[in-house]
Amino acid sequence: MTCVEVKEVVRNCLKGEAEAWKMLVDLYSRKIFNLAYQFAGSPQEAEDLTQEIFLKLYNSLTKYDFERDFSAWFLTLARNFLIDEFRRTRLEKSQRADFEELTTAAAEADSPENRLLSQEKAELVREALLQLSPELRTVLVLREIEGFSYEEIAQKMKLPLGTVKSRVNRGRIQVARAILEKTGGKP
């Protein structure tokens, strides 16, 4: 859907059209869930956070400036909500989650030993990500998991390009250190 089409859907939402709201939710629910999952660490909490973010969007839609890109505005709204939630609770989530989809898709045909190793590595990465500050985690997830370019991240988060590159680099270093500490220095 083009930027112009999305803005038209937003206009229809503001007119109270239920079908337009459903389209908006359908369009962004997976992306918001993935972002929430990286903050929460569990699918159940990510689902709850996703619902809360859409409720916040519904209540904030009248504040949207149609001169801005809606996707960037909504991602910023979601990111800020998640950071606020993280700061409010100050709890590091340690629940097991189904993170294997991201790292074991290619290993499906491998031996059970390789799948187990891939799952263990994915768990180490997930735990390391949860140790990062929300600012570092967000840019690292957008870059490494969502596949955004540095420029796209800078635009979406309204940050200078150098800040994005620095945060991604610091996030990678901190994840590597956390994994090395957890494994006793073994990669």
Foldseek 3Di string as FASTA:
>chain_A
DDQVVLVVLLVVVVVVDPVSLVVVCVVCVVVQLLLLCLQAVASVRSVVLSVVLSVVCSVCSVVDDSVDRPQLVSVQSSLVVSLVVCVVVVDQDLDHYDQLVQFCPVVPPPDPVVSVVSSVVSSLLSSLLSPDRSVLSNLLCCCPPVPDDLVVVCRSNVHDSVVSVVSNVVSVVSSVVSSCVVVVNDD
